[in-house]
Amino acid sequence: MFVITLTYVAPIEDIDALLPAHLEWLDRYYAAGTLLASGRRVPRTGGVILARATDRAELDAVLAEDPFRSEGAATYDVVEFAPTRTAPGLEGLIPTD
């Protein structure tokens, strides 16, 4: 499991112009089961993504396709963790292997 924080390094106008392509990227990887949750940081200085991937290399390949990254509009910090407890209803986040 991975927590990714995005930090915008481009003007917000550039971020807004890339937003439709970023949303398409999100949709593609939600459908694939890689992305589990995402949203804007408050204040709007970037975003946060909760993701699942087999390893860091797989995640890095997914992140490389994000238009915010490919256009140099955001930087990414990635933290890998192994969830061992969750709130009721989120038990599916705990790995079974």
N, C-alpha and C. Protein backbone atom coordinates (compact mmCIF):
# COMPACT_ATOMS: atom_id res chain seq x y z
N MET A 1 0.86 -1.15 0.00
CA MET A 1 0.00 0.00 0.00
C MET A 1 0.91 1.22 0.00
N PHE A 2 0.45 2.27 -0.68
CA PHE A 2 1.26 3.48 -0.81
C PHE A 2 0.41 4.72 -0.57
N VAL A 3 1.00 5.69 0.10
CA VAL A 3 0.42 7.02 0.22
C VAL A 3 1.31 7.95 -0.59
N ILE A 4 0.71 8.64 -1.55
CA ILE A 4 1.45 9.55 -2.43
C ILE A 4 0.94 10.96 -2.17
N THR A 5 1.86 11.87 -1.92
CA THR A 5 1.49 13.28 -1.84
C THR A 5 2.08 14.00 -3.04
N LEU A 6 1.23 14.73 -3.72
CA LEU A 6 1.64 15.55 -4.86
C LEU A 6 1.76 16.99 -4.38
N THR A 7 2.78 17.68 -4.83
CA THR A 7 2.95 19.10 -4.55
C THR A 7 3.05 19.83 -5.88
N TYR A 8 2.16 20.77 -6.11
CA TYR A 8 2.20 21.53 -7.35
C TYR A 8 3.45 22.41 -7.39
N VAL A 9 4.13 22.38 -8.52
CA VAL A 9 5.30 23.24 -8.73
C VAL A 9 5.09 24.16 -9.93
N ALA A 10 3.91 24.09 -10.51
CA ALA A 10 3.53 24.94 -11.64
C ALA A 10 2.40 25.87 -11.17
N PRO A 11 2.20 26.98 -11.87
CA PRO A 11 1.08 27.87 -11.53
C PRO A 11 -0.26 27.13 -11.60
N ILE A 12 -1.19 27.53 -10.76
CA ILE A 12 -2.49 26.86 -10.69
C ILE A 12 -3.21 26.87 -12.04
N GLU A 13 -2.93 27.88 -12.86
CA GLU A 13 -3.55 27.91 -14.21
C GLU A 13 -3.06 26.72 -15.03
N ASP A 14 -1.79 26.36 -14.90
CA ASP A 14 -1.26 25.19 -15.60
C ASP A 14 -1.87 23.90 -15.06
N ILE A 15 -2.04 23.84 -13.74
CA ILE A 15 -2.68 22.68 -13.12
C ILE A 15 -4.09 22.53 -13.65
N ASP A 16 -4.84 23.62 -13.68
CA ASP A 16 -6.22 23.56 -14.18
C ASP A 16 -6.28 23.11 -15.63
N ALA A 17 -5.32 23.53 -16.44
CA ALA A 17 -5.30 23.12 -17.85
C ALA A 17 -5.03 21.62 -17.99
N LEU A 18 -4.26 21.05 -17.08
CA LEU A 18 -3.93 19.63 -17.12
C LEU A 18 -4.97 18.76 -16.42
N LEU A 19 -5.89 19.37 -15.69
CA LEU A 19 -6.84 18.63 -14.87
C LEU A 19 -7.67 17.61 -15.65
N PRO A 20 -8.24 17.93 -16.83
CA PRO A 20 -9.01 16.90 -17.54
C PRO A 20 -8.19 15.65 -17.86
N ALA A 21 -6.95 15.81 -18.29
CA ALA A 21 -6.10 14.65 -18.59
C ALA A 21 -5.74 13.90 -17.30
N HIS A 22 -5.52 14.64 -16.21
CA HIS A 22 -5.23 14.01 -14.91
C HIS A 22 -6.43 13.18 -14.46
N LEU A 23 -7.64 13.71 -14.62
CA LEU A 23 -8.84 12.98 -14.22
C LEU A 23 -9.02 11.71 -15.05
N GLU A 24 -8.69 11.76 -16.33
CA GLU A 24 -8.73 10.55 -17.16
C GLU A 24 -7.73 9.51 -16.66
N TRP A 25 -6.53 9.97 -16.29
CA TRP A 25 -5.52 9.07 -15.72
C TRP A 25 -6.05 8.44 -14.44
N LEU A 26 -6.65 9.25 -13.55
CA LEU A 26 -7.23 8.70 -12.32
C LEU A 26 -8.29 7.65 -12.64
N ASP A 27 -9.20 7.96 -13.56
CA ASP A 27 -10.26 7.02 -13.93
C ASP A 27 -9.68 5.68 -14.40
N ARG A 28 -8.64 5.74 -15.23
CA ARG A 28 -8.03 4.52 -15.78
C ARG A 28 -7.48 3.65 -14.64
N TYR A 29 -6.82 4.25 -13.68
CA TYR A 29 -6.20 3.45 -12.62
C TYR A 29 -7.15 3.13 -11.47
N TYR A 30 -8.25 3.86 -11.32
CA TYR A 30 -9.32 3.40 -10.43
C TYR A 30 -9.94 2.14 -11.01
N ALA A 31 -10.20 2.14 -12.32
CA ALA A 31 -10.79 0.98 -12.97
C ALA A 31 -9.88 -0.24 -12.89
N ALA A 32 -8.57 -0.02 -12.91
CA ALA A 32 -7.61 -1.12 -12.82
C ALA A 32 -7.44 -1.62 -11.39
N GLY A 33 -7.97 -0.89 -10.42
CA GLY A 33 -7.85 -1.29 -9.02
C GLY A 33 -6.57 -0.80 -8.34
N THR A 34 -5.80 0.01 -9.03
CA THR A 34 -4.54 0.52 -8.46
C THR A 34 -4.79 1.66 -7.49
N LEU A 35 -5.66 2.57 -7.84
CA LEU A 35 -5.96 3.72 -6.99
C LEU A 35 -7.17 3.41 -6.11
N LEU A 36 -7.06 3.78 -4.84
CA LEU A 36 -8.12 3.49 -3.87
C LEU A 36 -8.82 4.74 -3.37
N ALA A 37 -8.12 5.85 -3.31
CA ALA A 37 -8.69 7.12 -2.86
C ALA A 37 -7.78 8.24 -3.34
N SER A 38 -8.36 9.40 -3.57
CA SER A 38 -7.56 10.55 -3.99
C SER A 38 -8.34 11.82 -3.72
N GLY A 39 -7.61 12.92 -3.66
CA GLY A 39 -8.27 14.20 -3.47
C GLY A 39 -7.27 15.33 -3.34
N ARG A 40 -7.81 16.54 -3.34
CA ARG A 40 -6.98 17.75 -3.22
C ARG A 40 -6.49 17.93 -1.80
N ARG A 41 -5.30 18.50 -1.68
CA ARG A 41 -4.82 18.94 -0.39
C ARG A 41 -5.52 20.26 -0.06
N VAL A 42 -5.65 20.53 1.22
CA VAL A 42 -6.28 21.77 1.68
C VAL A 42 -5.26 22.50 2.53
N PRO A 43 -4.83 23.69 2.10
CA PRO A 43 -5.23 24.42 0.90
C PRO A 43 -4.74 23.71 -0.37
N ARG A 44 -5.20 24.18 -1.51
CA ARG A 44 -4.96 23.52 -2.79
C ARG A 44 -3.51 23.73 -3.26
N THR A 45 -2.62 22.96 -2.67
CA THR A 45 -1.20 23.00 -3.03
C THR A 45 -0.75 21.71 -3.68
N GLY A 46 -1.67 20.78 -3.87
CA GLY A 46 -1.35 19.47 -4.45
C GLY A 46 -2.46 18.50 -4.16
N GLY A 47 -2.11 17.22 -4.05
CA GLY A 47 -3.11 16.19 -3.82
C GLY A 47 -2.53 15.05 -3.02
N VAL A 48 -3.41 14.11 -2.67
CA VAL A 48 -3.04 12.91 -1.94
C VAL A 48 -3.71 11.73 -2.63
N ILE A 49 -2.96 10.63 -2.78
CA ILE A 49 -3.48 9.42 -3.41
C ILE A 49 -3.14 8.24 -2.52
N LEU A 50 -4.09 7.35 -2.34
CA LEU A 50 -3.88 6.06 -1.70
C LEU A 50 -3.90 5.02 -2.81
N ALA A 51 -2.83 4.24 -2.92
CA ALA A 51 -2.70 3.31 -4.04
C ALA A 51 -2.24 1.94 -3.57
N ARG A 52 -2.52 0.96 -4.42
CA ARG A 52 -2.08 -0.41 -4.18
C ARG A 52 -1.34 -0.85 -5.45
N ALA A 53 -0.16 -1.42 -5.26
CA ALA A 53 0.63 -1.94 -6.38
C ALA A 53 1.46 -3.09 -5.86
N THR A 54 1.92 -3.96 -6.75
CA THR A 54 2.71 -5.10 -6.30
C THR A 54 4.06 -4.68 -5.75
N ASP A 55 4.62 -3.58 -6.27
CA ASP A 55 5.89 -3.07 -5.77
C ASP A 55 6.07 -1.63 -6.21
N ARG A 56 7.14 -1.03 -5.74
CA ARG A 56 7.41 0.39 -6.03
C ARG A 56 7.63 0.63 -7.51
N ALA A 57 8.28 -0.30 -8.20
CA ALA A 57 8.52 -0.13 -9.63
C ALA A 57 7.20 -0.05 -10.41
N GLU A 58 6.25 -0.89 -10.04
CA GLU A 58 4.93 -0.84 -10.70
C GLU A 58 4.26 0.50 -10.44
N LEU A 59 4.30 0.95 -9.19
CA LEU A 59 3.70 2.23 -8.86
C LEU A 59 4.39 3.36 -9.61
N ASP A 60 5.71 3.35 -9.67
CA ASP A 60 6.44 4.41 -10.38
C ASP A 60 6.04 4.47 -11.84
N ALA A 61 5.80 3.31 -12.46
CA ALA A 61 5.35 3.29 -13.86
C ALA A 61 3.97 3.93 -14.01
N VAL A 62 3.09 3.66 -13.07
CA VAL A 62 1.75 4.27 -13.08
C VAL A 62 1.86 5.79 -12.90
N LEU A 63 2.64 6.21 -11.92
CA LEU A 63 2.77 7.64 -11.65
C LEU A 63 3.41 8.38 -12.82
N ALA A 64 4.30 7.72 -13.55
CA ALA A 64 4.95 8.36 -14.70
C ALA A 64 3.95 8.76 -15.77
N GLU A 65 2.80 8.10 -15.80
CA GLU A 65 1.77 8.40 -16.80
C GLU A 65 0.87 9.57 -16.41
N ASP A 66 0.94 10.00 -15.16
CA ASP A 66 0.11 11.12 -14.72
C ASP A 66 0.56 12.39 -15.43
N PRO A 67 -0.34 13.08 -16.12
CA PRO A 67 0.03 14.32 -16.82
C PRO A 67 0.66 15.37 -15.90
N PHE A 68 0.27 15.41 -14.64
CA PHE A 68 0.91 16.35 -13.72
C PHE A 68 2.41 16.07 -13.63
N ARG A 69 2.78 14.78 -13.65
CA ARG A 69 4.20 14.42 -13.57
C ARG A 69 4.87 14.59 -14.93
N SER A 70 4.27 14.06 -15.98
CA SER A 70 4.92 14.09 -17.30
C SER A 70 5.11 15.51 -17.80
N GLU A 71 4.28 16.44 -17.35
CA GLU A 71 4.41 17.84 -17.76
C GLU A 71 5.21 18.66 -16.74
N GLY A 72 5.72 18.01 -15.70
CA GLY A 72 6.54 18.70 -14.71
C GLY A 72 5.78 19.67 -13.83
N ALA A 73 4.47 19.43 -13.67
CA ALA A 73 3.63 20.35 -12.90
C ALA A 73 3.56 20.01 -11.42
N ALA A 74 4.02 18.81 -11.04
CA ALA A 74 3.94 18.39 -9.64
C ALA A 74 5.11 17.48 -9.30
N THR A 75 5.49 17.50 -8.03
CA THR A 75 6.46 16.53 -7.52
C THR A 75 5.69 15.54 -6.66
N TYR A 76 6.28 14.36 -6.46
CA TYR A 76 5.60 13.26 -5.77
C TYR A 76 6.47 12.74 -4.64
N ASP A 77 5.86 12.56 -3.48
CA ASP A 77 6.49 11.88 -2.36
C ASP A 77 5.69 10.61 -2.11
N VAL A 78 6.39 9.48 -2.02
CA VAL A 78 5.73 8.19 -1.88
C VAL A 78 6.18 7.54 -0.57
N VAL A 79 5.19 7.07 0.19
CA VAL A 79 5.44 6.31 1.41
C VAL A 79 4.77 4.96 1.26
N GLU A 80 5.54 3.90 1.41
CA GLU A 80 4.96 2.55 1.39
C GLU A 80 4.69 2.12 2.82
N PHE A 81 3.54 1.49 3.04
CA PHE A 81 3.25 0.96 4.37
C PHE A 81 2.44 -0.32 4.25
N ALA A 82 2.44 -1.10 5.31
CA ALA A 82 1.70 -2.36 5.36
C ALA A 82 0.58 -2.20 6.39
N PRO A 83 -0.65 -1.96 5.94
CA PRO A 83 -1.74 -1.79 6.90
C PRO A 83 -2.00 -3.08 7.68
N THR A 84 -2.18 -2.93 8.98
CA THR A 84 -2.47 -4.08 9.83
C THR A 84 -3.81 -3.94 10.55
N ARG A 85 -4.35 -2.72 10.61
CA ARG A 85 -5.65 -2.48 11.21
C ARG A 85 -6.38 -1.44 10.38
N THR A 86 -7.70 -1.55 10.37
CA THR A 86 -8.53 -0.58 9.66
C THR A 86 -9.83 -0.34 10.43
N ALA A 87 -10.51 0.69 10.04
CA ALA A 87 -11.85 0.93 10.55
C ALA A 87 -12.78 -0.10 9.90
N PRO A 88 -13.92 -0.38 10.56
CA PRO A 88 -14.89 -1.30 9.96
C PRO A 88 -15.25 -0.86 8.54
N GLY A 89 -15.30 -1.83 7.65
CA GLY A 89 -15.63 -1.57 6.26
C GLY A 89 -14.43 -1.40 5.36
N LEU A 90 -13.25 -1.24 5.96
CA LEU A 90 -12.03 -1.07 5.17
C LEU A 90 -11.08 -2.26 5.28
N GLU A 91 -11.58 -3.37 5.77
CA GLU A 91 -10.74 -4.54 5.97
C GLU A 91 -10.07 -5.03 4.70
N GLY A 92 -10.63 -4.73 3.55
CA GLY A 92 -10.05 -5.13 2.27
C GLY A 92 -8.71 -4.47 1.99
N LEU A 93 -8.36 -3.46 2.75
CA LEU A 93 -7.05 -2.81 2.57
C LEU A 93 -5.91 -3.61 3.20
N ILE A 94 -6.24 -4.56 4.08
CA ILE A 94 -5.20 -5.34 4.74
C ILE A 94 -4.81 -6.50 3.82
N PRO A 95 -3.52 -6.60 3.48
CA PRO A 95 -3.09 -7.70 2.60
C PRO A 95 -3.34 -9.06 3.26
N THR A 96 -3.69 -10.03 2.46
CA THR A 96 -3.97 -11.37 2.98
C THR A 96 -2.78 -12.31 2.79
N ASP A 97 -1.73 -11.87 2.11
CA ASP A 97 -0.58 -12.76 1.91
C ASP A 97 0.53 -12.50 2.86
